[in-house]
């Protein structure tokens, strides 16, 4: 399978794994929910898990891939505040944890670009 055909499936797999993780072990995700959001952190954790699973399914299916990949790009932008919250909350933790929290911040950009690339590639096939 050529790389361009594997890319959407890899992105779908990443989203599916993240979605499942939100349900299998929600507590670490609860801690990332910005305190400014209304409602319980667990509701946001489960909601983002559902969103990731739906995006994964949409990207895996060729008919919905382009629109789902665009939605995934928007989702990755939307969850960026959680990564900022994590970096702020972990600023006094041991150095390896602080480093991990800070490293997450720039990793969001490649995810956004990856999702946009999947959408563009799929639109180019139409």
PDB file of N, CA and C in Angstrom:
ATOM      1  N   UNK A   1       0.849  -1.173   0.000  1.00  0.00           N
ATOM      2  CA  UNK A   1       0.000   0.000   0.000  1.00  0.00           C
ATOM      3  C   UNK A   1       0.899   1.243   0.000  1.00  0.00           C
ATOM      4  N   UNK A   2       0.698   2.144  -0.955  1.00  0.00           N
ATOM      5  CA  UNK A   2       1.511   3.361  -0.993  1.00  0.00           C
ATOM      6  C   UNK A   2       1.310   4.210   0.251  1.00  0.00           C
ATOM      7  N   UNK A   3       2.312   5.015   0.543  1.00  0.00           N
ATOM      8  CA  UNK A   3       2.292   5.850   1.740  1.00  0.00           C
ATOM      9  C   UNK A   3       1.065   6.757   1.783  1.00  0.00           C
ATOM     10  N   UNK A   4       0.696   7.345   0.640  1.00  0.00           N
ATOM     11  CA  UNK A   4      -0.450   8.258   0.614  1.00  0.00           C
ATOM     12  C   UNK A   4      -1.759   7.545   0.958  1.00  0.00           C
ATOM     13  N   UNK A   5      -1.824   6.250   0.730  1.00  0.00           N
ATOM     14  CA  UNK A   5      -3.021   5.488   1.085  1.00  0.00           C
ATOM     15  C   UNK A   5      -2.997   5.049   2.549  1.00  0.00           C
ATOM     16  N   UNK A   6      -1.794   4.894   3.104  1.00  0.00           N
ATOM     17  CA  UNK A   6      -1.664   4.513   4.515  1.00  0.00           C
ATOM     18  C   UNK A   6      -1.906   5.694   5.442  1.00  0.00           C
ATOM     19  N   UNK A   7      -1.574   6.893   4.992  1.00  0.00           N
ATOM     20  CA  UNK A   7      -1.641   8.072   5.851  1.00  0.00           C
ATOM     21  C   UNK A   7      -3.005   8.267   6.499  1.00  0.00           C
ATOM     22  N   UNK A   8      -4.106   8.202   5.730  1.00  0.00           N
ATOM     23  CA  UNK A   8      -5.412   8.375   6.399  1.00  0.00           C
ATOM     24  C   UNK A   8      -5.701   7.277   7.419  1.00  0.00           C
ATOM     25  N   UNK A   9      -5.276   6.065   7.116  1.00  0.00           N
ATOM     26  CA  UNK A   9      -5.540   4.965   8.043  1.00  0.00           C
ATOM     27  C   UNK A   9      -4.704   5.106   9.312  1.00  0.00           C
ATOM     28  N   UNK A  10      -3.493   5.613   9.176  1.00  0.00           N
ATOM     29  CA  UNK A  10      -2.661   5.860  10.358  1.00  0.00           C
ATOM     30  C   UNK A  10      -3.270   6.971  11.216  1.00  0.00           C
ATOM     31  N   UNK A  11      -3.740   8.027  10.567  1.00  0.00           N
ATOM     32  CA  UNK A  11      -4.384   9.111  11.307  1.00  0.00           C
ATOM     33  C   UNK A  11      -5.643   8.594  11.994  1.00  0.00           C
ATOM     34  N   UNK A  12      -6.434   7.804  11.293  1.00  0.00           N
ATOM     35  CA  UNK A  12      -7.635   7.220  11.900  1.00  0.00           C
ATOM     36  C   UNK A  12      -7.255   6.339  13.091  1.00  0.00           C
ATOM     37  N   UNK A  13      -6.197   5.562  12.953  1.00  0.00           N
ATOM     38  CA  UNK A  13      -5.739   4.708  14.052  1.00  0.00           C
ATOM     39  C   UNK A  13      -5.292   5.511  15.260  1.00  0.00           C
ATOM     40  N   UNK A  14      -4.583   6.592  15.022  1.00  0.00           N
ATOM     41  CA  UNK A  14      -4.144   7.463  16.117  1.00  0.00           C
ATOM     42  C   UNK A  14      -5.351   8.042  16.853  1.00  0.00           C
ATOM     43  N   UNK A  15      -6.315   8.536  16.101  1.00  0.00           N
ATOM     44  CA  UNK A  15      -7.517   9.097  16.714  1.00  0.00           C
ATOM     45  C   UNK A  15      -8.317   8.028  17.460  1.00  0.00           C
ATOM     46  N   UNK A  16      -8.431   6.840  16.873  1.00  0.00           N
ATOM     47  CA  UNK A  16      -9.170   5.759  17.532  1.00  0.00           C
ATOM     48  C   UNK A  16      -8.487   5.357  18.837  1.00  0.00           C
ATOM     49  N   UNK A  17      -7.166   5.241  18.813  1.00  0.00           N
ATOM     50  CA  UNK A  17      -6.437   4.876  20.034  1.00  0.00           C
ATOM     51  C   UNK A  17      -6.618   5.939  21.112  1.00  0.00           C
ATOM     52  N   UNK A  18      -6.554   7.195  20.720  1.00  0.00           N
ATOM     53  CA  UNK A  18      -6.749   8.276  21.692  1.00  0.00           C
ATOM     54  C   UNK A  18      -8.182   8.245  22.230  1.00  0.00           C
ATOM     55  N   UNK A  19      -9.140   8.014  21.349  1.00  0.00           N
ATOM     56  CA  UNK A  19     -10.533   7.955  21.789  1.00  0.00           C
ATOM     57  C   UNK A  19     -10.773   6.842  22.790  1.00  0.00           C
ATOM     58  N   UNK A  20     -10.243   5.675  22.505  1.00  0.00           N
ATOM     59  CA  UNK A  20     -10.386   4.539  23.430  1.00  0.00           C
ATOM     60  C   UNK A  20      -9.708   4.850  24.763  1.00  0.00           C
ATOM     61  N   UNK A  21      -8.538   5.489  24.709  1.00  0.00           N
ATOM     62  CA  UNK A  21      -7.811   5.823  25.941  1.00  0.00           C
ATOM     63  C   UNK A  21      -8.626   6.743  26.844  1.00  0.00           C
ATOM     64  N   UNK A  22      -9.438   7.620  26.250  1.00  0.00           N
ATOM     65  CA  UNK A  22     -10.264   8.529  27.051  1.00  0.00           C
ATOM     66  C   UNK A  22     -11.272   7.755  27.901  1.00  0.00           C
ATOM     67  N   UNK A  23     -11.682   6.592  27.428  1.00  0.00           N
ATOM     68  CA  UNK A  23     -12.646   5.776  28.181  1.00  0.00           C
ATOM     69  C   UNK A  23     -11.942   4.749  29.074  1.00  0.00           C
ATOM     70  N   UNK A  24     -10.842   4.207  28.598  1.00  0.00           N
ATOM     71  CA  UNK A  24     -10.126   3.174  29.350  1.00  0.00           C
ATOM     72  C   UNK A  24      -9.433   3.744  30.583  1.00  0.00           C
ATOM     73  N   UNK A  25      -8.930   4.967  30.482  1.00  0.00           N
ATOM     74  CA  UNK A  25      -8.211   5.592  31.593  1.00  0.00           C
ATOM     75  C   UNK A  25      -8.491   7.095  31.572  1.00  0.00           C
ATOM     76  N   UNK A  26      -9.685   7.504  31.989  1.00  0.00           N
ATOM     77  CA  UNK A  26     -10.077   8.907  31.831  1.00  0.00           C
ATOM     78  C   UNK A  26      -9.399   9.893  32.780  1.00  0.00           C
ATOM     79  N   UNK A  27      -8.928   9.439  33.906  1.00  0.00           N
ATOM     80  CA  UNK A  27      -8.414  10.361  34.927  1.00  0.00           C
ATOM     81  C   UNK A  27      -7.318  11.303  34.409  1.00  0.00           C
ATOM     82  N   UNK A  28      -6.305  10.821  33.681  1.00  0.00           N
ATOM     83  CA  UNK A  28      -5.277  11.769  33.194  1.00  0.00           C
ATOM     84  C   UNK A  28      -5.863  12.824  32.247  1.00  0.00           C
ATOM     85  N   UNK A  29      -6.875  12.450  31.481  1.00  0.00           N
ATOM     86  CA  UNK A  29      -7.499  13.408  30.565  1.00  0.00           C
ATOM     87  C   UNK A  29      -8.332  14.429  31.332  1.00  0.00           C
ATOM     88  N   UNK A  30      -8.980  13.993  32.408  1.00  0.00           N
ATOM     89  CA  UNK A  30      -9.758  14.916  33.238  1.00  0.00           C
ATOM     90  C   UNK A  30      -8.876  16.069  33.722  1.00  0.00           C
ATOM     91  N   UNK A  31      -7.636  15.745  34.075  1.00  0.00           N
ATOM     92  CA  UNK A  31      -6.725  16.765  34.603  1.00  0.00           C
ATOM     93  C   UNK A  31      -6.321  17.786  33.547  1.00  0.00           C
ATOM     94  N   UNK A  32      -6.516  17.470  32.281  1.00  0.00           N
ATOM     95  CA  UNK A  32      -6.127  18.387  31.208  1.00  0.00           C
ATOM     96  C   UNK A  32      -7.236  19.350  30.818  1.00  0.00           C
ATOM     97  N   UNK A  33      -8.435  19.100  31.270  1.00  0.00           N
ATOM     98  CA  UNK A  33      -9.566  19.940  30.882  1.00  0.00           C
ATOM     99  C   UNK A  33      -9.394  21.316  31.519  1.00  0.00           C
ATOM    100  N   UNK A  34      -9.372  22.365  30.685  1.00  0.00           N
ATOM    101  CA  UNK A  34      -9.239  23.720  31.251  1.00  0.00           C
ATOM    102  C   UNK A  34     -10.356  24.017  32.245  1.00  0.00           C
ATOM    103  N   UNK A  35      -9.981  24.583  33.363  1.00  0.00           N
ATOM    104  CA  UNK A  35     -10.944  24.860  34.431  1.00  0.00           C
ATOM    105  C   UNK A  35     -12.018  25.864  34.011  1.00  0.00           C
ATOM    106  N   UNK A  36     -11.752  26.642  32.989  1.00  0.00           N
ATOM    107  CA  UNK A  36     -12.713  27.648  32.541  1.00  0.00           C
ATOM    108  C   UNK A  36     -13.914  27.021  31.829  1.00  0.00           C
ATOM    109  N   UNK A  37     -13.809  25.762  31.427  1.00  0.00           N
ATOM    110  CA  UNK A  37     -14.922  25.119  30.726  1.00  0.00           C
ATOM    111  C   UNK A  37     -16.016  24.743  31.723  1.00  0.00           C
ATOM    112  N   UNK A  38     -17.276  24.935  31.332  1.00  0.00           N
ATOM    113  CA  UNK A  38     -18.375  24.584  32.246  1.00  0.00           C
ATOM    114  C   UNK A  38     -18.553  23.072  32.335  1.00  0.00           C
ATOM    115  N   UNK A  39     -19.174  22.623  33.398  1.00  0.00           N
ATOM    116  CA  UNK A  39     -19.464  21.203  33.559  1.00  0.00           C
ATOM    117  C   UNK A  39     -18.287  20.445  34.147  1.00  0.00           C
ATOM    118  N   UNK A  40     -18.477  19.134  34.209  1.00  0.00           N
ATOM    119  CA  UNK A  40     -17.451  18.302  34.833  1.00  0.00           C
ATOM    120  C   UNK A  40     -16.347  17.955  33.840  1.00  0.00           C
ATOM    121  N   UNK A  41     -15.124  17.862  34.317  1.00  0.00           N
ATOM    122  CA  UNK A  41     -14.030  17.440  33.441  1.00  0.00           C
ATOM    123  C   UNK A  41     -14.281  16.073  32.804  1.00  0.00           C
ATOM    124  N   UNK A  42     -14.922  15.154  33.541  1.00  0.00           N
ATOM    125  CA  UNK A  42     -15.171  13.811  33.001  1.00  0.00           C
ATOM    126  C   UNK A  42     -16.085  13.873  31.781  1.00  0.00           C
ATOM    127  N   UNK A  43     -17.069  14.753  31.816  1.00  0.00           N
ATOM    128  CA  UNK A  43     -17.956  14.909  30.657  1.00  0.00           C
ATOM    129  C   UNK A  43     -17.158  15.377  29.439  1.00  0.00           C
ATOM    130  N   UNK A  44     -16.233  16.297  29.636  1.00  0.00           N
ATOM    131  CA  UNK A  44     -15.391  16.768  28.532  1.00  0.00           C
ATOM    132  C   UNK A  44     -14.459  15.664  28.057  1.00  0.00           C
ATOM    133  N   UNK A  45     -13.950  14.871  28.997  1.00  0.00           N
ATOM    134  CA  UNK A  45     -13.073  13.748  28.628  1.00  0.00           C
ATOM    135  C   UNK A  45     -13.828  12.761  27.758  1.00  0.00           C
ATOM    136  N   UNK A  46     -15.007  12.373  28.201  1.00  0.00           N
ATOM    137  CA  UNK A  46     -15.790  11.421  27.412  1.00  0.00           C
ATOM    138  C   UNK A  46     -16.242  12.036  26.087  1.00  0.00           C
ATOM    139  N   UNK A  47     -16.619  13.298  26.114  1.00  0.00           N
ATOM    140  CA  UNK A  47     -17.032  13.961  24.881  1.00  0.00           C
ATOM    141  C   UNK A  47     -15.917  14.020  23.855  1.00  0.00           C
ATOM    142  N   UNK A  48     -14.706  14.330  24.304  1.00  0.00           N
ATOM    143  CA  UNK A  48     -13.590  14.371  23.349  1.00  0.00           C
ATOM    144  C   UNK A  48     -13.237  12.961  22.882  1.00  0.00           C
ATOM    145  N   UNK A  49     -13.421  11.963  23.745  1.00  0.00           N
ATOM    146  CA  UNK A  49     -13.200  10.580  23.320  1.00  0.00           C
ATOM    147  C   UNK A  49     -14.180  10.166  22.235  1.00  0.00           C
ATOM    148  N   UNK A  50     -15.435  10.530  22.408  1.00  0.00           N
ATOM    149  CA  UNK A  50     -16.452  10.242  21.387  1.00  0.00           C
ATOM    150  C   UNK A  50     -16.088  10.959  20.086  1.00  0.00           C
ATOM    151  N   UNK A  51     -15.682  12.216  20.195  1.00  0.00           N
ATOM    152  CA  UNK A  51     -15.313  12.975  18.998  1.00  0.00           C
ATOM    153  C   UNK A  51     -14.149  12.311  18.266  1.00  0.00           C
ATOM    154  N   UNK A  52     -13.148  11.866  19.014  1.00  0.00           N
ATOM    155  CA  UNK A  52     -12.000  11.210  18.381  1.00  0.00           C
ATOM    156  C   UNK A  52     -12.405   9.908  17.700  1.00  0.00           C
ATOM    157  N   UNK A  53     -13.278   9.143  18.326  1.00  0.00           N
ATOM    158  CA  UNK A  53     -13.737   7.904  17.698  1.00  0.00           C
ATOM    159  C   UNK A  53     -14.558   8.187  16.439  1.00  0.00           C
ATOM    160  N   UNK A  54     -15.402   9.207  16.491  1.00  0.00           N
ATOM    161  CA  UNK A  54     -16.189   9.576  15.308  1.00  0.00           C
ATOM    162  C   UNK A  54     -15.286  10.073  14.183  1.00  0.00           C
ATOM    163  N   UNK A  55     -14.296  10.882  14.521  1.00  0.00           N
ATOM    164  CA  UNK A  55     -13.354  11.365  13.508  1.00  0.00           C
ATOM    165  C   UNK A  55     -12.569  10.204  12.904  1.00  0.00           C
ATOM    166  N   UNK A  56     -12.168   9.263  13.736  1.00  0.00           N
ATOM    167  CA  UNK A  56     -11.436   8.091  13.243  1.00  0.00           C
ATOM    168  C   UNK A  56     -12.283   7.316  12.242  1.00  0.00           C
ATOM    169  N   UNK A  57     -13.538   7.093  12.598  1.00  0.00           N
ATOM    170  CA  UNK A  57     -14.432   6.359  11.689  1.00  0.00           C
ATOM    171  C   UNK A  57     -14.630   7.129  10.394  1.00  0.00           C
ATOM    172  N   UNK A  58     -14.805   8.441  10.492  1.00  0.00           N
ATOM    173  CA  UNK A  58     -14.995   9.250   9.299  1.00  0.00           C
ATOM    174  C   UNK A  58     -13.791   9.262   8.389  1.00  0.00           C
ATOM    175  N   UNK A  59     -12.602   9.308   8.956  1.00  0.00           N
ATOM    176  CA  UNK A  59     -11.372   9.308   8.154  1.00  0.00           C
ATOM    177  C   UNK A  59     -11.120   7.936   7.549  1.00  0.00           C
ATOM    178  N   UNK A  60     -11.489   6.892   8.256  1.00  0.00           N
ATOM    179  CA  UNK A  60     -11.276   5.530   7.745  1.00  0.00           C
ATOM    180  C   UNK A  60     -12.147   5.242   6.523  1.00  0.00           C
ATOM    181  N   UNK A  61     -13.299   5.883   6.434  1.00  0.00           N
ATOM    182  CA  UNK A  61     -14.226   5.642   5.326  1.00  0.00           C
ATOM    183  C   UNK A  61     -13.938   6.619   4.187  1.00  0.00           C
ATOM    184  N   UNK A  62     -13.592   6.132   3.006  1.00  0.00           N
ATOM    185  CA  UNK A  62     -13.252   7.044   1.903  1.00  0.00           C
ATOM    186  C   UNK A  62     -14.333   8.075   1.570  1.00  0.00           C
ATOM    187  N   UNK A  63     -15.601   7.704   1.688  1.00  0.00           N
ATOM    188  CA  UNK A  63     -16.685   8.639   1.328  1.00  0.00           C
ATOM    189  C   UNK A  63     -16.736   9.858   2.235  1.00  0.00           C
ATOM    190  N   UNK A  64     -16.334   9.708   3.488  1.00  0.00           N
ATOM    191  CA  UNK A  64     -16.400  10.807   4.453  1.00  0.00           C
ATOM    192  C   UNK A  64     -15.022  11.331   4.849  1.00  0.00           C
ATOM    193  N   UNK A  65     -13.999  10.793   4.229  1.00  0.00           N
ATOM    194  CA  UNK A  65     -12.616  11.095   4.639  1.00  0.00           C
ATOM    195  C   UNK A  65     -12.290  12.580   4.580  1.00  0.00           C
ATOM    196  N   UNK A  66     -12.597  13.250   3.489  1.00  0.00           N
ATOM    197  CA  UNK A  66     -12.190  14.653   3.335  1.00  0.00           C
ATOM    198  C   UNK A  66     -12.821  15.535   4.403  1.00  0.00           C
ATOM    199  N   UNK A  67     -14.122  15.400   4.602  1.00  0.00           N
ATOM    200  CA  UNK A  67     -14.799  16.242   5.590  1.00  0.00           C
ATOM    201  C   UNK A  67     -14.360  15.878   7.003  1.00  0.00           C
ATOM    202  N   UNK A  68     -14.161  14.598   7.271  1.00  0.00           N
ATOM    203  CA  UNK A  68     -13.721  14.174   8.608  1.00  0.00           C
ATOM    204  C   UNK A  68     -12.299  14.645   8.887  1.00  0.00           C
ATOM    205  N   UNK A  69     -11.447  14.632   7.877  1.00  0.00           N
ATOM    206  CA  UNK A  69     -10.068  15.100   8.068  1.00  0.00           C
ATOM    207  C   UNK A  69     -10.052  16.603   8.342  1.00  0.00           C
ATOM    208  N   UNK A  70     -10.908  17.354   7.665  1.00  0.00           N
ATOM    209  CA  UNK A  70     -11.006  18.790   7.961  1.00  0.00           C
ATOM    210  C   UNK A  70     -11.501  19.000   9.391  1.00  0.00           C
ATOM    211  N   UNK A  71     -12.474  18.206   9.789  1.00  0.00           N
ATOM    212  CA  UNK A  71     -12.985  18.303  11.160  1.00  0.00           C
ATOM    213  C   UNK A  71     -11.901  17.919  12.167  1.00  0.00           C
ATOM    214  N   UNK A  72     -11.070  16.934  11.824  1.00  0.00           N
ATOM    215  CA  UNK A  72      -9.978  16.534  12.716  1.00  0.00           C
ATOM    216  C   UNK A  72      -8.979  17.673  12.877  1.00  0.00           C
ATOM    217  N   UNK A  73      -8.674  18.371  11.792  1.00  0.00           N
ATOM    218  CA  UNK A  73      -7.762  19.517  11.879  1.00  0.00           C
ATOM    219  C   UNK A  73      -8.328  20.558  12.839  1.00  0.00           C
ATOM    220  N   UNK A  74      -9.624  20.836  12.716  1.00  0.00           N
ATOM    221  CA  UNK A  74     -10.264  21.794  13.621  1.00  0.00           C
ATOM    222  C   UNK A  74     -10.253  21.272  15.063  1.00  0.00           C
ATOM    223  N   UNK A  75     -10.479  19.974  15.229  1.00  0.00           N
ATOM    224  CA  UNK A  75     -10.454  19.368  16.554  1.00  0.00           C
ATOM    225  C   UNK A  75      -9.078  19.531  17.197  1.00  0.00           C
ATOM    226  N   UNK A  76      -8.025  19.278  16.420  1.00  0.00           N
ATOM    227  CA  UNK A  76      -6.664  19.412  16.960  1.00  0.00           C
ATOM    228  C   UNK A  76      -6.381  20.842  17.405  1.00  0.00           C
ATOM    229  N   UNK A  77      -6.910  21.810  16.673  1.00  0.00           N
ATOM    230  CA  UNK A  77      -6.770  23.203  17.094  1.00  0.00           C
ATOM    231  C   UNK A  77      -7.581  23.428  18.372  1.00  0.00           C
ATOM    232  N   UNK A  78      -8.766  22.862  18.416  1.00  0.00           N
ATOM    233  CA  UNK A  78      -9.658  23.058  19.554  1.00  0.00           C
ATOM    234  C   UNK A  78      -9.158  22.482  20.862  1.00  0.00           C
ATOM    235  N   UNK A  79      -8.394  21.404  20.810  1.00  0.00           N
ATOM    236  CA  UNK A  79      -7.902  20.806  22.056  1.00  0.00           C
ATOM    237  C   UNK A  79      -6.564  21.402  22.500  1.00  0.00           C
ATOM    238  N   UNK A  80      -6.031  22.320  21.717  1.00  0.00           N
ATOM    239  CA  UNK A  80      -4.764  22.944  22.089  1.00  0.00           C
ATOM    240  C   UNK A  80      -4.811  23.582  23.480  1.00  0.00           C
ATOM    241  N   UNK A  81      -5.912  24.243  23.863  1.00  0.00           N
ATOM    242  CA  UNK A  81      -5.942  24.801  25.230  1.00  0.00           C
ATOM    243  C   UNK A  81      -5.711  23.751  26.328  1.00  0.00           C
ATOM    244  N   UNK A  82      -6.107  22.508  26.093  1.00  0.00           N
ATOM    245  CA  UNK A  82      -5.832  21.460  27.089  1.00  0.00           C
ATOM    246  C   UNK A  82      -4.334  21.224  27.217  1.00  0.00           C
ATOM    247  N   UNK A  83      -3.621  21.294  26.101  1.00  0.00           N
ATOM    248  CA  UNK A  83      -2.163  21.130  26.165  1.00  0.00           C
ATOM    249  C   UNK A  83      -1.516  22.302  26.895  1.00  0.00           C
ATOM    250  N   UNK A  84      -2.045  23.499  26.682  1.00  0.00           N
ATOM    251  CA  UNK A  84      -1.537  24.668  27.405  1.00  0.00           C
ATOM    252  C   UNK A  84      -1.817  24.502  28.896  1.00  0.00           C
ATOM    253  N   UNK A  85      -3.038  24.043  29.225  1.00  0.00           N
ATOM    254  CA  UNK A  85      -3.387  23.820  30.635  1.00  0.00           C
ATOM    255  C   UNK A  85      -2.426  22.817  31.271  1.00  0.00           C
ATOM    256  N   UNK A  86      -2.115  21.756  30.548  1.00  0.00           N
ATOM    257  CA  UNK A  86      -1.191  20.750  31.067  1.00  0.00           C
ATOM    258  C   UNK A  86       0.185  21.367  31.329  1.00  0.00           C
ATOM    259  N   UNK A  87       0.683  22.173  30.390  1.00  0.00           N
ATOM    260  CA  UNK A  87       1.999  22.800  30.566  1.00  0.00           C
ATOM    261  C   UNK A  87       2.006  23.718  31.789  1.00  0.00           C
ATOM    262  N   UNK A  88       0.928  24.465  31.983  1.00  0.00           N
ATOM    263  CA  UNK A  88       0.831  25.355  33.146  1.00  0.00           C
ATOM    264  C   UNK A  88       0.762  24.540  34.436  1.00  0.00           C
ATOM    265  N   UNK A  89      -0.094  23.533  34.454  1.00  0.00           N
ATOM    266  CA  UNK A  89      -0.273  22.734  35.662  1.00  0.00           C
ATOM    267  C   UNK A  89       0.973  21.938  36.035  1.00  0.00           C
ATOM    268  N   UNK A  90       1.743  21.549  35.048  1.00  0.00           N
ATOM    269  CA  UNK A  90       2.905  20.696  35.298  1.00  0.00           C
ATOM    270  C   UNK A  90       4.205  21.493  35.441  1.00  0.00           C
ATOM    271  N   UNK A  91       4.141  22.794  35.539  1.00  0.00           N
ATOM    272  CA  UNK A  91       5.360  23.598  35.578  1.00  0.00           C
ATOM    273  C   UNK A  91       6.215  23.339  36.813  1.00  0.00           C
ATOM    274  N   UNK A  92       5.633  22.782  37.866  1.00  0.00           N
ATOM    275  CA  UNK A  92       6.402  22.502  39.080  1.00  0.00           C
ATOM    276  C   UNK A  92       6.687  21.009  39.268  1.00  0.00           C
ATOM    277  N   UNK A  93       6.357  20.230  38.297  1.00  0.00           N
ATOM    278  CA  UNK A  93       6.623  18.787  38.375  1.00  0.00           C
ATOM    279  C   UNK A  93       8.085  18.515  38.035  1.00  0.00           C
ATOM    280  N   UNK A  94       8.543  17.284  38.241  1.00  0.00           N
ATOM    281  CA  UNK A  94       9.931  16.958  37.892  1.00  0.00           C
ATOM    282  C   UNK A  94      10.218  17.266  36.412  1.00  0.00           C
ATOM    283  N   UNK A  95      11.480  17.558  36.134  1.00  0.00           N
ATOM    284  CA  UNK A  95      11.876  18.019  34.806  1.00  0.00           C
ATOM    285  C   UNK A  95      11.393  17.130  33.657  1.00  0.00           C
ATOM    286  N   UNK A  96      11.473  15.794  33.744  1.00  0.00           N
ATOM    287  CA  UNK A  96      10.990  14.983  32.609  1.00  0.00           C
ATOM    288  C   UNK A  96       9.506  15.204  32.309  1.00  0.00           C
ATOM    289  N   UNK A  97       8.689  15.376  33.352  1.00  0.00           N
ATOM    290  CA  UNK A  97       7.260  15.612  33.145  1.00  0.00           C
ATOM    291  C   UNK A  97       7.014  17.012  32.579  1.00  0.00           C
ATOM    292  N   UNK A  98       7.744  18.000  33.105  1.00  0.00           N
ATOM    293  CA  UNK A  98       7.630  19.369  32.554  1.00  0.00           C
ATOM    294  C   UNK A  98       8.005  19.377  31.082  1.00  0.00           C
ATOM    295  N   UNK A  99       9.082  18.674  30.758  1.00  0.00           N
ATOM    296  CA  UNK A  99       9.549  18.615  29.366  1.00  0.00           C
ATOM    297  C   UNK A  99       8.493  17.960  28.479  1.00  0.00           C
ATOM    298  N   UNK A 100       7.884  16.879  28.948  1.00  0.00           N
ATOM    299  CA  UNK A 100       6.842  16.202  28.170  1.00  0.00           C
ATOM    300  C   UNK A 100       5.649  17.128  27.939  1.00  0.00           C
ATOM    301  N   UNK A 101       5.255  17.852  28.974  1.00  0.00           N
ATOM    302  CA  UNK A 101       4.119  18.760  28.842  1.00  0.00           C
ATOM    303  C   UNK A 101       4.423  19.873  27.848  1.00  0.00           C
ATOM    304  N   UNK A 102       5.616  20.414  27.897  1.00  0.00           N
ATOM    305  CA  UNK A 102       5.996  21.479  26.956  1.00  0.00           C
ATOM    306  C   UNK A 102       6.155  20.938  25.544  1.00  0.00           C
ATOM    307  N   UNK A 103       6.635  19.714  25.415  1.00  0.00           N
ATOM    308  CA  UNK A 103       6.840  19.122  24.083  1.00  0.00           C
ATOM    309  C   UNK A 103       5.518  18.889  23.361  1.00  0.00           C
ATOM    310  N   UNK A 104       4.452  18.710  24.105  1.00  0.00           N
ATOM    311  CA  UNK A 104       3.135  18.504  23.478  1.00  0.00           C
ATOM    312  C   UNK A 104       2.667  19.733  22.716  1.00  0.00           C
ATOM    313  N   UNK A 105       3.072  20.907  23.161  1.00  0.00           N
ATOM    314  CA  UNK A 105       2.573  22.140  22.552  1.00  0.00           C
ATOM    315  C   UNK A 105       2.890  22.221  21.053  1.00  0.00           C
ATOM    316  N   UNK A 106       4.144  22.093  20.641  1.00  0.00           N
ATOM    317  CA  UNK A 106       4.417  22.193  19.201  1.00  0.00           C
ATOM    318  C   UNK A 106       3.980  20.960  18.407  1.00  0.00           C
ATOM    319  N   UNK A 107       3.680  19.850  19.073  1.00  0.00           N
ATOM    320  CA  UNK A 107       3.257  18.649  18.352  1.00  0.00           C
ATOM    321  C   UNK A 107       1.854  18.788  17.766  1.00  0.00           C
ATOM    322  N   UNK A 108       1.094  19.747  18.250  1.00  0.00           N
ATOM    323  CA  UNK A 108      -0.257  19.930  17.732  1.00  0.00           C
ATOM    324  C   UNK A 108      -0.218  20.395  16.271  1.00  0.00           C
ATOM    325  N   UNK A 109       0.769  21.204  15.919  1.00  0.00           N
ATOM    326  CA  UNK A 109       0.854  21.717  14.547  1.00  0.00           C
ATOM    327  C   UNK A 109       1.020  20.598  13.515  1.00  0.00           C
ATOM    328  N   UNK A 110       1.923  19.637  13.702  1.00  0.00           N
ATOM    329  CA  UNK A 110       2.005  18.554  12.719  1.00  0.00           C
ATOM    330  C   UNK A 110       0.714  17.749  12.594  1.00  0.00           C
ATOM    331  N   UNK A 111      -0.019  17.607  13.695  1.00  0.00           N
ATOM    332  CA  UNK A 111      -1.298  16.893  13.619  1.00  0.00           C
ATOM    333  C   UNK A 111      -2.296  17.662  12.751  1.00  0.00           C
ATOM    334  N   UNK A 112      -2.351  18.969  12.938  1.00  0.00           N
ATOM    335  CA  UNK A 112      -3.244  19.800  12.124  1.00  0.00           C
ATOM    336  C   UNK A 112      -2.855  19.694  10.648  1.00  0.00           C
ATOM    337  N   UNK A 113      -1.557  19.808  10.375  1.00  0.00           N
ATOM    338  CA  UNK A 113      -1.088  19.747   8.985  1.00  0.00           C
ATOM    339  C   UNK A 113      -1.331  18.370   8.378  1.00  0.00           C
ATOM    340  N   UNK A 114      -1.173  17.322   9.162  1.00  0.00           N
ATOM    341  CA  UNK A 114      -1.416  15.958   8.685  1.00  0.00           C
ATOM    342  C   UNK A 114      -2.883  15.798   8.285  1.00  0.00           C
ATOM    343  N   UNK A 115      -3.774  16.231   9.153  1.00  0.00           N
ATOM    344  CA  UNK A 115      -5.209  16.113   8.856  1.00  0.00           C
ATOM    345  C   UNK A 115      -5.565  16.928   7.614  1.00  0.00           C
ATOM    346  N   UNK A 116      -5.020  18.118   7.488  1.00  0.00           N
ATOM    347  CA  UNK A 116      -5.292  18.939   6.295  1.00  0.00           C
ATOM    348  C   UNK A 116      -4.761  18.258   5.029  1.00  0.00           C
ATOM    349  N   UNK A 117      -3.606  17.619   5.144  1.00  0.00           N
ATOM    350  CA  UNK A 117      -3.029  16.915   4.003  1.00  0.00           C
ATOM    351  C   UNK A 117      -3.917  15.739   3.580  1.00  0.00           C
ATOM    352  N   UNK A 118      -4.432  15.012   4.540  1.00  0.00           N
ATOM    353  CA  UNK A 118      -5.344  13.900   4.232  1.00  0.00           C
ATOM    354  C   UNK A 118      -6.572  14.429   3.514  1.00  0.00           C
ATOM    355  N   UNK A 119      -7.112  15.548   3.986  1.00  0.00           N
ATOM    356  CA  UNK A 119      -8.295  16.136   3.347  1.00  0.00           C
ATOM    357  C   UNK A 119      -7.978  16.566   1.917  1.00  0.00           C
ATOM    358  N   UNK A 120      -6.861  17.256   1.738  1.00  0.00           N
ATOM    359  CA  UNK A 120      -6.486  17.714   0.393  1.00  0.00           C
ATOM    360  C   UNK A 120      -6.254  16.551  -0.551  1.00  0.00           C
ATOM    361  N   UNK A 121      -5.569  15.522  -0.093  1.00  0.00           N
ATOM    362  CA  UNK A 121      -5.301  14.350  -0.940  1.00  0.00           C
ATOM    363  C   UNK A 121      -6.608  13.675  -1.359  1.00  0.00           C
ATOM    364  N   UNK A 122      -7.545  13.592  -0.434  1.00  0.00           N
ATOM    365  CA  UNK A 122      -8.830  12.955  -0.749  1.00  0.00           C
ATOM    366  C   UNK A 122      -9.633  13.809  -1.716  1.00  0.00           C
ATOM    367  N   UNK A 123      -9.594  15.114  -1.533  1.00  0.00           N
ATOM    368  CA  UNK A 123     -10.313  16.003  -2.461  1.00  0.00           C
ATOM    369  C   UNK A 123      -9.702  15.947  -3.852  1.00  0.00           C
ATOM    370  N   UNK A 124      -8.394  15.731  -3.917  1.00  0.00           N
ATOM    371  CA  UNK A 124      -7.707  15.613  -5.208  1.00  0.00           C
ATOM    372  C   UNK A 124      -8.101  14.362  -5.972  1.00  0.00           C
ATOM    373  N   UNK A 125      -8.594  13.363  -5.277  1.00  0.00           N
ATOM    374  CA  UNK A 125      -9.032  12.110  -5.912  1.00  0.00           C
ATOM    375  C   UNK A 125     -10.440  12.247  -6.508  1.00  0.00           C
ATOM    376  N   UNK A 126     -11.189  13.210  -6.012  1.00  0.00           N
ATOM    377  CA  UNK A 126     -12.591  13.370  -6.462  1.00  0.00           C
ATOM    378  C   UNK A 126     -12.681  13.923  -7.854  1.00  0.00           C
TER     379      UNK A 126
END
